[in-house]
Protein backbone atom coordinates (compact mmCIF):
# COMPACT_ATOMS: atom_id res chain seq x y z
CA MET A 1 90.93 14.16 133.23
CA SER A 2 94.67 15.03 133.30
CA THR A 3 94.89 13.71 129.40
CA LEU A 4 92.50 15.97 128.48
CA LEU A 5 94.27 18.91 130.29
CA ALA A 6 97.41 17.22 128.58
CA ASP A 7 95.98 17.44 124.77
CA ILE A 8 94.98 20.96 125.36
CA ALA A 9 97.51 22.77 127.10
CA PRO A 10 99.46 23.17 123.96
CA PHE A 11 96.83 25.23 121.91
CA VAL A 12 96.22 27.55 124.86
CA PRO A 13 99.28 29.69 124.33
CA PRO A 14 99.33 29.91 120.74
CA LEU A 15 95.49 31.16 121.22
CA LEU A 16 95.85 33.79 123.57
CA LEU A 17 99.07 35.23 121.81
CA THR A 18 96.37 35.20 118.80
CA ALA A 19 93.56 36.70 120.95
CA LEU A 20 96.30 39.03 121.89
CA PHE A 21 97.36 40.30 118.56
CA VAL A 22 94.04 40.55 117.25
CA TRP A 23 93.17 42.63 119.91
CA ALA A 24 95.66 44.99 119.77
CA LEU A 25 95.33 45.35 116.13
CA GLU A 26 91.48 46.32 116.45
CA ARG A 27 92.68 48.53 119.01
CA ASN A 28 95.05 50.48 117.03
CA HIS A 29 92.64 50.60 113.99
CA ARG A 30 90.37 52.41 116.08
CA ARG A 31 92.78 55.19 116.97
CA GLN A 32 93.80 56.23 113.25
CA ARG A 33 91.28 58.22 111.30
CA PRO A 34 91.06 57.40 107.51
CA ALA A 35 93.76 59.06 104.85
CA PRO A 36 92.54 62.39 103.13
CA TRP A 37 92.27 60.97 100.06
CA ALA A 38 90.62 57.98 101.40
CA ASP A 39 87.42 59.28 99.75
CA ASP A 40 88.47 59.55 96.50
CA TYR A 41 89.26 56.05 95.91
CA ARG A 42 85.94 54.61 97.57
CA HIS A 43 84.60 54.52 93.99
CA PRO A 44 87.76 53.18 91.99
CA ALA A 45 86.10 52.82 88.69
CA GLU A 46 85.97 56.54 88.36
CA HIS A 47 89.31 57.04 88.94
CA ASP A 48 90.55 54.09 86.79
CA ALA A 49 92.39 55.43 83.24
CA ASP A 50 91.63 51.87 81.97
CA HIS A 51 87.91 52.06 82.92
CA ARG A 52 87.51 55.81 81.39
CA ARG A 53 89.45 54.80 77.96
CA SER A 54 87.23 51.73 77.64
CA ALA A 55 83.80 54.10 78.08
CA HIS A 56 85.13 56.43 75.44
CA ASP A 57 85.55 53.52 73.09
CA TRP A 58 82.35 52.17 74.15
CA ASP A 59 81.11 55.60 73.37
CA ALA A 60 82.59 55.71 70.14
CA TYR A 61 81.30 52.21 69.22
CA GLY A 62 77.59 53.31 69.75
CA ARG A 63 78.02 56.30 67.72
CA ALA A 64 79.73 54.45 65.10
CA ALA A 65 76.75 51.79 64.94
């Protein structure tokens, strides 16, 4: 039994520190409000200049055919 504890003991502190770190990050995340501009970027294709340019090119290609 002592061999099992000796094998497991080195892993306990890193696991506890990791669990504490994840808990603290989650606790902080729950207290943060989303940024006012966050709603604008939920659909990034609508705000992407390359997407608009590509859509315009495809529209022009469709009209030329």
